Amino acid sequence: MRGPSHLPATVGPMKVTRARENVFELTLTGQELSALVAGARMALDIMERDPHAPDEAIELLRGVIGDYDKALARLKTPDGRPGRPSE
């Protein structure tokens, strides 16, 4: 498994802070965000094929990914281009 030493020098440490109970704020690069979302999408794909995966977990992950996709669609750069995190 590749660790942080293989990341480009421009990638800083991810920061997670607790804004309030059960609410977190993340500061991360587009590459880090893309990696987390890709992992979530892969996990959902695997869970949907697993007859033993809990339905509640599948629905929660579907909802989180759906909310992310909707928020990303609303995000635009100043020049009007889509606000994809890795761009």
PDB file of N, CA and C in Angstrom:
ATOM      1  N   MET A   1       0.840  -1.176   0.000  1.00  0.00           N
ATOM      2  CA  MET A   1       0.000   0.000   0.000  1.00  0.00           C
ATOM      3  C   MET A   1       0.886   1.241   0.000  1.00  0.00           C
ATOM      4  N   ARG A   2       0.544   2.184  -0.826  1.00  0.00           N
ATOM      5  CA  ARG A   2       1.335   3.406  -0.912  1.00  0.00           C
ATOM      6  C   ARG A   2       0.915   4.357   0.193  1.00  0.00           C
ATOM      7  N   GLY A   3       1.881   4.895   0.875  1.00  0.00           N
ATOM      8  CA  GLY A   3       1.608   5.810   1.972  1.00  0.00           C
ATOM      9  C   GLY A   3       1.832   7.251   1.566  1.00  0.00           C
ATOM     10  N   PRO A   4       1.749   8.161   2.543  1.00  0.00           N
ATOM     11  CA  PRO A   4       1.896   9.587   2.271  1.00  0.00           C
ATOM     12  C   PRO A   4       3.224   9.956   1.626  1.00  0.00           C
ATOM     13  N   SER A   5       4.274   9.160   1.798  1.00  0.00           N
ATOM     14  CA  SER A   5       5.559   9.502   1.207  1.00  0.00           C
ATOM     15  C   SER A   5       5.519   9.456  -0.315  1.00  0.00           C
ATOM     16  N   HIS A   6       4.499   8.841  -0.902  1.00  0.00           N
ATOM     17  CA  HIS A   6       4.378   8.756  -2.349  1.00  0.00           C
ATOM     18  C   HIS A   6       3.513   9.873  -2.929  1.00  0.00           C
ATOM     19  N   LEU A   7       2.999  10.753  -2.081  1.00  0.00           N
ATOM     20  CA  LEU A   7       2.148  11.836  -2.551  1.00  0.00           C
ATOM     21  C   LEU A   7       3.007  12.992  -3.046  1.00  0.00           C
ATOM     22  N   PRO A   8       2.487  13.768  -3.979  1.00  0.00           N
ATOM     23  CA  PRO A   8       3.230  14.936  -4.440  1.00  0.00           C
ATOM     24  C   PRO A   8       3.507  15.883  -3.273  1.00  0.00           C
ATOM     25  N   ALA A   9       4.569  16.659  -3.386  1.00  0.00           N
ATOM     26  CA  ALA A   9       4.969  17.567  -2.313  1.00  0.00           C
ATOM     27  C   ALA A   9       3.910  18.622  -2.028  1.00  0.00           C
ATOM     28  N   THR A  10       3.022  18.902  -2.988  1.00  0.00           N
ATOM     29  CA  THR A  10       2.005  19.929  -2.797  1.00  0.00           C
ATOM     30  C   THR A  10       0.841  19.453  -1.948  1.00  0.00           C
ATOM     31  N   VAL A  11       0.791  18.179  -1.641  1.00  0.00           N
ATOM     32  CA  VAL A  11      -0.308  17.650  -0.836  1.00  0.00           C
ATOM     33  C   VAL A  11       0.077  17.772   0.634  1.00  0.00           C
ATOM     34  N   GLY A  12      -0.682  18.574   1.370  1.00  0.00           N
ATOM     35  CA  GLY A  12      -0.411  18.755   2.786  1.00  0.00           C
ATOM     36  C   GLY A  12      -1.227  17.796   3.613  1.00  0.00           C
ATOM     37  N   PRO A  13      -1.019  17.840   4.921  1.00  0.00           N
ATOM     38  CA  PRO A  13      -1.789  16.940   5.769  1.00  0.00           C
ATOM     39  C   PRO A  13      -3.257  17.348   5.816  1.00  0.00           C
ATOM     40  N   MET A  14      -4.102  16.359   5.762  1.00  0.00           N
ATOM     41  CA  MET A  14      -5.543  16.589   5.869  1.00  0.00           C
ATOM     42  C   MET A  14      -5.831  17.048   7.297  1.00  0.00           C
ATOM     43  N   LYS A  15      -6.784  17.960   7.425  1.00  0.00           N
ATOM     44  CA  LYS A  15      -7.176  18.446   8.745  1.00  0.00           C
ATOM     45  C   LYS A  15      -8.655  18.139   8.963  1.00  0.00           C
ATOM     46  N   VAL A  16      -8.963  17.639  10.142  1.00  0.00           N
ATOM     47  CA  VAL A  16     -10.340  17.376  10.524  1.00  0.00           C
ATOM     48  C   VAL A  16     -10.570  18.072  11.858  1.00  0.00           C
ATOM     49  N   THR A  17     -11.600  18.905  11.912  1.00  0.00           N
ATOM     50  CA  THR A  17     -11.965  19.562  13.157  1.00  0.00           C
ATOM     51  C   THR A  17     -13.436  19.288  13.447  1.00  0.00           C
ATOM     52  N   ARG A  18     -13.788  19.357  14.707  1.00  0.00           N
ATOM     53  CA  ARG A  18     -15.181  19.151  15.113  1.00  0.00           C
ATOM     54  C   ARG A  18     -15.814  20.529  15.287  1.00  0.00           C
ATOM     55  N   ALA A  19     -16.773  20.842  14.421  1.00  0.00           N
ATOM     56  CA  ALA A  19     -17.464  22.127  14.491  1.00  0.00           C
ATOM     57  C   ALA A  19     -18.428  22.132  15.673  1.00  0.00           C
ATOM     58  N   ARG A  20     -19.114  21.030  15.872  1.00  0.00           N
ATOM     59  CA  ARG A  20     -20.026  20.814  16.998  1.00  0.00           C
ATOM     60  C   ARG A  20     -20.312  19.312  17.042  1.00  0.00           C
ATOM     61  N   GLU A  21     -21.131  18.886  17.938  1.00  0.00           N
ATOM     62  CA  GLU A  21     -21.417  17.464  18.082  1.00  0.00           C
ATOM     63  C   GLU A  21     -21.881  16.867  16.756  1.00  0.00           C
ATOM     64  N   ASN A  22     -21.189  15.837  16.297  1.00  0.00           N
ATOM     65  CA  ASN A  22     -21.519  15.101  15.078  1.00  0.00           C
ATOM     66  C   ASN A  22     -21.426  15.928  13.801  1.00  0.00           C
ATOM     67  N   VAL A  23     -20.711  17.050  13.841  1.00  0.00           N
ATOM     68  CA  VAL A  23     -20.477  17.880  12.653  1.00  0.00           C
ATOM     69  C   VAL A  23     -18.977  18.122  12.550  1.00  0.00           C
ATOM     70  N   PHE A  24     -18.406  17.737  11.414  1.00  0.00           N
ATOM     71  CA  PHE A  24     -16.970  17.860  11.212  1.00  0.00           C
ATOM     72  C   PHE A  24     -16.684  18.744  10.010  1.00  0.00           C
ATOM     73  N   GLU A  25     -15.557  19.422  10.058  1.00  0.00           N
ATOM     74  CA  GLU A  25     -15.073  20.218   8.932  1.00  0.00           C
ATOM     75  C   GLU A  25     -13.754  19.622   8.486  1.00  0.00           C
ATOM     76  N   LEU A  26     -13.625  19.445   7.174  1.00  0.00           N
ATOM     77  CA  LEU A  26     -12.407  18.875   6.623  1.00  0.00           C
ATOM     78  C   LEU A  26     -11.707  19.903   5.749  1.00  0.00           C
ATOM     79  N   THR A  27     -10.396  19.928   5.845  1.00  0.00           N
ATOM     80  CA  THR A  27      -9.575  20.718   4.943  1.00  0.00           C
ATOM     81  C   THR A  27      -8.674  19.717   4.240  1.00  0.00           C
ATOM     82  N   LEU A  28      -8.856  19.585   2.931  1.00  0.00           N
ATOM     83  CA  LEU A  28      -8.096  18.604   2.180  1.00  0.00           C
ATOM     84  C   LEU A  28      -7.982  19.051   0.738  1.00  0.00           C
ATOM     85  N   THR A  29      -7.067  18.441   0.028  1.00  0.00           N
ATOM     86  CA  THR A  29      -6.872  18.781  -1.375  1.00  0.00           C
ATOM     87  C   THR A  29      -7.932  18.096  -2.232  1.00  0.00           C
ATOM     88  N   GLY A  30      -8.040  18.554  -3.465  1.00  0.00           N
ATOM     89  CA  GLY A  30      -8.949  17.911  -4.407  1.00  0.00           C
ATOM     90  C   GLY A  30      -8.598  16.452  -4.620  1.00  0.00           C
ATOM     91  N   GLN A  31      -7.303  16.151  -4.649  1.00  0.00           N
ATOM     92  CA  GLN A  31      -6.881  14.758  -4.822  1.00  0.00           C
ATOM     93  C   GLN A  31      -7.316  13.901  -3.641  1.00  0.00           C
ATOM     94  N   GLU A  32      -7.183  14.441  -2.437  1.00  0.00           N
ATOM     95  CA  GLU A  32      -7.586  13.687  -1.253  1.00  0.00           C
ATOM     96  C   GLU A  32      -9.099  13.464  -1.250  1.00  0.00           C
ATOM     97  N   LEU A  33      -9.853  14.501  -1.587  1.00  0.00           N
ATOM     98  CA  LEU A  33     -11.304  14.367  -1.649  1.00  0.00           C
ATOM     99  C   LEU A  33     -11.707  13.351  -2.709  1.00  0.00           C
ATOM    100  N   SER A  34     -11.071  13.418  -3.864  1.00  0.00           N
ATOM    101  CA  SER A  34     -11.376  12.461  -4.937  1.00  0.00           C
ATOM    102  C   SER A  34     -11.099  11.030  -4.494  1.00  0.00           C
ATOM    103  N   ALA A  35     -10.010  10.833  -3.759  1.00  0.00           N
ATOM    104  CA  ALA A  35      -9.671   9.484  -3.281  1.00  0.00           C
ATOM    105  C   ALA A  35     -10.719   8.971  -2.300  1.00  0.00           C
ATOM    106  N   LEU A  36     -11.176   9.833  -1.396  1.00  0.00           N
ATOM    107  CA  LEU A  36     -12.209   9.423  -0.439  1.00  0.00           C
ATOM    108  C   LEU A  36     -13.523   9.080  -1.136  1.00  0.00           C
ATOM    109  N   VAL A  37     -13.918   9.909  -2.087  1.00  0.00           N
ATOM    110  CA  VAL A  37     -15.174   9.665  -2.800  1.00  0.00           C
ATOM    111  C   VAL A  37     -15.065   8.410  -3.663  1.00  0.00           C
ATOM    112  N   ALA A  38     -13.923   8.219  -4.302  1.00  0.00           N
ATOM    113  CA  ALA A  38     -13.736   7.005  -5.109  1.00  0.00           C
ATOM    114  C   ALA A  38     -13.827   5.762  -4.227  1.00  0.00           C
ATOM    115  N   GLY A  39     -13.239   5.824  -3.045  1.00  0.00           N
ATOM    116  CA  GLY A  39     -13.323   4.702  -2.110  1.00  0.00           C
ATOM    117  C   GLY A  39     -14.764   4.431  -1.688  1.00  0.00           C
ATOM    118  N   ALA A  40     -15.520   5.498  -1.455  1.00  0.00           N
ATOM    119  CA  ALA A  40     -16.927   5.339  -1.083  1.00  0.00           C
ATOM    120  C   ALA A  40     -17.719   4.710  -2.226  1.00  0.00           C
ATOM    121  N   ARG A  41     -17.444   5.141  -3.449  1.00  0.00           N
ATOM    122  CA  ARG A  41     -18.158   4.575  -4.604  1.00  0.00           C
ATOM    123  C   ARG A  41     -17.822   3.095  -4.785  1.00  0.00           C
ATOM    124  N   MET A  42     -16.554   2.736  -4.595  1.00  0.00           N
ATOM    125  CA  MET A  42     -16.166   1.333  -4.707  1.00  0.00           C
ATOM    126  C   MET A  42     -16.810   0.508  -3.600  1.00  0.00           C
ATOM    127  N   ALA A  43     -16.836   1.049  -2.382  1.00  0.00           N
ATOM    128  CA  ALA A  43     -17.466   0.340  -1.262  1.00  0.00           C
ATOM    129  C   ALA A  43     -18.950   0.114  -1.544  1.00  0.00           C
ATOM    130  N   LEU A  44     -19.635   1.144  -2.069  1.00  0.00           N
ATOM    131  CA  LEU A  44     -21.055   0.993  -2.378  1.00  0.00           C
ATOM    132  C   LEU A  44     -21.263  -0.085  -3.436  1.00  0.00           C
ATOM    133  N   ASP A  45     -20.432  -0.094  -4.448  1.00  0.00           N
ATOM    134  CA  ASP A  45     -20.551  -1.106  -5.501  1.00  0.00           C
ATOM    135  C   ASP A  45     -20.409  -2.514  -4.920  1.00  0.00           C
ATOM    136  N   ILE A  46     -19.456  -2.694  -4.055  1.00  0.00           N
ATOM    137  CA  ILE A  46     -19.239  -4.009  -3.437  1.00  0.00           C
ATOM    138  C   ILE A  46     -20.402  -4.371  -2.518  1.00  0.00           C
ATOM    139  N   MET A  47     -20.854  -3.399  -1.725  1.00  0.00           N
ATOM    140  CA  MET A  47     -21.945  -3.662  -0.792  1.00  0.00           C
ATOM    141  C   MET A  47     -23.236  -4.020  -1.519  1.00  0.00           C
ATOM    142  N   GLU A  48     -23.486  -3.365  -2.653  1.00  0.00           N
ATOM    143  CA  GLU A  48     -24.710  -3.659  -3.407  1.00  0.00           C
ATOM    144  C   GLU A  48     -24.713  -5.077  -3.963  1.00  0.00           C
ATOM    145  N   ARG A  49     -23.549  -5.663  -4.126  1.00  0.00           N
ATOM    146  CA  ARG A  49     -23.454  -7.031  -4.638  1.00  0.00           C
ATOM    147  C   ARG A  49     -23.416  -8.081  -3.533  1.00  0.00           C
ATOM    148  N   ASP A  50     -23.251  -7.628  -2.297  1.00  0.00           N
ATOM    149  CA  ASP A  50     -23.125  -8.542  -1.156  1.00  0.00           C
ATOM    150  C   ASP A  50     -24.491  -8.777  -0.519  1.00  0.00           C
ATOM    151  N   PRO A  51     -24.990  -9.988  -0.575  1.00  0.00           N
ATOM    152  CA  PRO A  51     -26.319 -10.250   0.006  1.00  0.00           C
ATOM    153  C   PRO A  51     -26.346 -10.090   1.526  1.00  0.00           C
ATOM    154  N   HIS A  52     -25.186 -10.038   2.166  1.00  0.00           N
ATOM    155  CA  HIS A  52     -25.124  -9.906   3.620  1.00  0.00           C
ATOM    156  C   HIS A  52     -24.892  -8.468   4.077  1.00  0.00           C
ATOM    157  N   ALA A  53     -24.688  -7.566   3.149  1.00  0.00           N
ATOM    158  CA  ALA A  53     -24.470  -6.166   3.523  1.00  0.00           C
ATOM    159  C   ALA A  53     -25.753  -5.581   4.096  1.00  0.00           C
ATOM    160  N   PRO A  54     -25.648  -4.852   5.183  1.00  0.00           N
ATOM    161  CA  PRO A  54     -26.862  -4.279   5.797  1.00  0.00           C
ATOM    162  C   PRO A  54     -27.517  -3.234   4.889  1.00  0.00           C
ATOM    163  N   ASP A  55     -28.811  -3.381   4.692  1.00  0.00           N
ATOM    164  CA  ASP A  55     -29.548  -2.438   3.849  1.00  0.00           C
ATOM    165  C   ASP A  55     -29.403  -1.001   4.337  1.00  0.00           C
ATOM    166  N   GLU A  56     -29.385  -0.812   5.665  1.00  0.00           N
ATOM    167  CA  GLU A  56     -29.272   0.542   6.220  1.00  0.00           C
ATOM    168  C   GLU A  56     -27.948   1.185   5.823  1.00  0.00           C
ATOM    169  N   ALA A  57     -26.883   0.403   5.830  1.00  0.00           N
ATOM    170  CA  ALA A  57     -25.576   0.931   5.468  1.00  0.00           C
ATOM    171  C   ALA A  57     -25.520   1.292   3.982  1.00  0.00           C
ATOM    172  N   ILE A  58     -26.123   0.459   3.159  1.00  0.00           N
ATOM    173  CA  ILE A  58     -26.162   0.726   1.719  1.00  0.00           C
ATOM    174  C   ILE A  58     -26.938   2.009   1.453  1.00  0.00           C
ATOM    175  N   GLU A  59     -28.088   2.155   2.077  1.00  0.00           N
ATOM    176  CA  GLU A  59     -28.903   3.362   1.858  1.00  0.00           C
ATOM    177  C   GLU A  59     -28.204   4.607   2.376  1.00  0.00           C
ATOM    178  N   LEU A  60     -27.521   4.498   3.499  1.00  0.00           N
ATOM    179  CA  LEU A  60     -26.784   5.639   4.035  1.00  0.00           C
ATOM    180  C   LEU A  60     -25.683   6.064   3.074  1.00  0.00           C
ATOM    181  N   LEU A  61     -24.929   5.097   2.572  1.00  0.00           N
ATOM    182  CA  LEU A  61     -23.845   5.417   1.649  1.00  0.00           C
ATOM    183  C   LEU A  61     -24.377   5.966   0.329  1.00  0.00           C
ATOM    184  N   ARG A  62     -25.473   5.416  -0.169  1.00  0.00           N
ATOM    185  CA  ARG A  62     -26.104   5.965  -1.373  1.00  0.00           C
ATOM    186  C   ARG A  62     -26.493   7.430  -1.163  1.00  0.00           C
ATOM    187  N   GLY A  63     -27.067   7.711  -0.009  1.00  0.00           N
ATOM    188  CA  GLY A  63     -27.481   9.073   0.306  1.00  0.00           C
ATOM    189  C   GLY A  63     -26.311  10.035   0.400  1.00  0.00           C
ATOM    190  N   VAL A  64     -25.240   9.603   1.054  1.00  0.00           N
ATOM    191  CA  VAL A  64     -24.057  10.456   1.194  1.00  0.00           C
ATOM    192  C   VAL A  64     -23.451  10.750  -0.176  1.00  0.00           C
ATOM    193  N   ILE A  65     -23.312   9.725  -0.998  1.00  0.00           N
ATOM    194  CA  ILE A  65     -22.745   9.923  -2.337  1.00  0.00           C
ATOM    195  C   ILE A  65     -23.678  10.798  -3.178  1.00  0.00           C
ATOM    196  N   GLY A  66     -24.977  10.568  -3.082  1.00  0.00           N
ATOM    197  CA  GLY A  66     -25.935  11.397  -3.816  1.00  0.00           C
ATOM    198  C   GLY A  66     -25.870  12.854  -3.388  1.00  0.00           C
ATOM    199  N   ASP A  67     -25.790  13.102  -2.077  1.00  0.00           N
ATOM    200  CA  ASP A  67     -25.674  14.474  -1.577  1.00  0.00           C
ATOM    201  C   ASP A  67     -24.387  15.130  -2.070  1.00  0.00           C
ATOM    202  N   TYR A  68     -23.297  14.360  -2.064  1.00  0.00           N
ATOM    203  CA  TYR A  68     -22.020  14.880  -2.567  1.00  0.00           C
ATOM    204  C   TYR A  68     -22.144  15.256  -4.043  1.00  0.00           C
ATOM    205  N   ASP A  69     -22.733  14.367  -4.834  1.00  0.00           N
ATOM    206  CA  ASP A  69     -22.881  14.640  -6.265  1.00  0.00           C
ATOM    207  C   ASP A  69     -23.719  15.894  -6.520  1.00  0.00           C
ATOM    208  N   LYS A  70     -24.790  16.071  -5.748  1.00  0.00           N
ATOM    209  CA  LYS A  70     -25.633  17.264  -5.902  1.00  0.00           C
ATOM    210  C   LYS A  70     -24.873  18.528  -5.508  1.00  0.00           C
ATOM    211  N   ALA A  71     -24.139  18.469  -4.413  1.00  0.00           N
ATOM    212  CA  ALA A  71     -23.364  19.628  -3.973  1.00  0.00           C
ATOM    213  C   ALA A  71     -22.281  19.972  -4.990  1.00  0.00           C
ATOM    214  N   LEU A  72     -21.649  18.962  -5.543  1.00  0.00           N
ATOM    215  CA  LEU A  72     -20.605  19.189  -6.543  1.00  0.00           C
ATOM    216  C   LEU A  72     -21.184  19.806  -7.809  1.00  0.00           C
ATOM    217  N   ALA A  73     -22.381  19.390  -8.185  1.00  0.00           N
ATOM    218  CA  ALA A  73     -23.028  19.949  -9.375  1.00  0.00           C
ATOM    219  C   ALA A  73     -23.324  21.436  -9.187  1.00  0.00           C
ATOM    220  N   ARG A  74     -23.579  21.853  -7.949  1.00  0.00           N
ATOM    221  CA  ARG A  74     -23.850  23.264  -7.675  1.00  0.00           C
ATOM    222  C   ARG A  74     -22.576  24.100  -7.599  1.00  0.00           C
ATOM    223  N   LEU A  75     -21.450  23.428  -7.391  1.00  0.00           N
ATOM    224  CA  LEU A  75     -20.179  24.124  -7.233  1.00  0.00           C
ATOM    225  C   LEU A  75     -19.624  24.514  -8.594  1.00  0.00           C
ATOM    226  N   LYS A  76     -19.366  25.783  -8.774  1.00  0.00           N
ATOM    227  CA  LYS A  76     -18.796  26.267 -10.026  1.00  0.00           C
ATOM    228  C   LYS A  76     -17.545  27.084  -9.717  1.00  0.00           C
ATOM    229  N   THR A  77     -16.588  27.052 -10.608  1.00  0.00           N
ATOM    230  CA  THR A  77     -15.405  27.893 -10.463  1.00  0.00           C
ATOM    231  C   THR A  77     -15.770  29.306 -10.910  1.00  0.00           C
ATOM    232  N   PRO A  78     -14.940  30.299 -10.581  1.00  0.00           N
ATOM    233  CA  PRO A  78     -15.255  31.680 -10.981  1.00  0.00           C
ATOM    234  C   PRO A  78     -15.476  31.861 -12.480  1.00  0.00           C
ATOM    235  N   ASP A  79     -14.841  31.034 -13.295  1.00  0.00           N
ATOM    236  CA  ASP A  79     -15.027  31.170 -14.743  1.00  0.00           C
ATOM    237  C   ASP A  79     -16.182  30.309 -15.267  1.00  0.00           C
ATOM    238  N   GLY A  80     -16.959  29.688 -14.361  1.00  0.00           N
ATOM    239  CA  GLY A  80     -18.141  28.945 -14.762  1.00  0.00           C
ATOM    240  C   GLY A  80     -17.920  27.483 -15.065  1.00  0.00           C
ATOM    241  N   ARG A  81     -16.662  27.019 -14.992  1.00  0.00           N
ATOM    242  CA  ARG A  81     -16.399  25.593 -15.230  1.00  0.00           C
ATOM    243  C   ARG A  81     -16.898  24.763 -14.055  1.00  0.00           C
ATOM    244  N   PRO A  82     -17.204  23.499 -14.289  1.00  0.00           N
ATOM    245  CA  PRO A  82     -17.604  22.632 -13.179  1.00  0.00           C
ATOM    246  C   PRO A  82     -16.504  22.586 -12.112  1.00  0.00           C
ATOM    247  N   GLY A  83     -16.885  22.539 -10.880  1.00  0.00           N
ATOM    248  CA  GLY A  83     -15.930  22.561  -9.780  1.00  0.00           C
ATOM    249  C   GLY A  83     -15.465  21.185  -9.351  1.00  0.00           C
ATOM    250  N   ARG A  84     -14.944  20.402 -10.273  1.00  0.00           N
ATOM    251  CA  ARG A  84     -14.456  19.074  -9.949  1.00  0.00           C
ATOM    252  C   ARG A  84     -13.303  19.195  -8.968  1.00  0.00           C
ATOM    253  N   PRO A  85     -13.251  18.388  -7.914  1.00  0.00           N
ATOM    254  CA  PRO A  85     -12.238  18.552  -6.866  1.00  0.00           C
ATOM    255  C   PRO A  85     -10.813  18.333  -7.330  1.00  0.00           C
ATOM    256  N   SER A  86     -10.571  17.526  -8.339  1.00  0.00           N
ATOM    257  CA  SER A  86      -9.195  17.246  -8.738  1.00  0.00           C
ATOM    258  C   SER A  86      -8.694  18.170  -9.832  1.00  0.00           C
ATOM    259  N   GLU A  87      -9.486  19.138 -10.224  1.00  0.00           N
ATOM    260  CA  GLU A  87      -9.053  20.060 -11.275  1.00  0.00           C
ATOM    261  C   GLU A  87      -8.383  21.261 -10.675  1.00  0.00           C
TER     262      GLU A  87
END
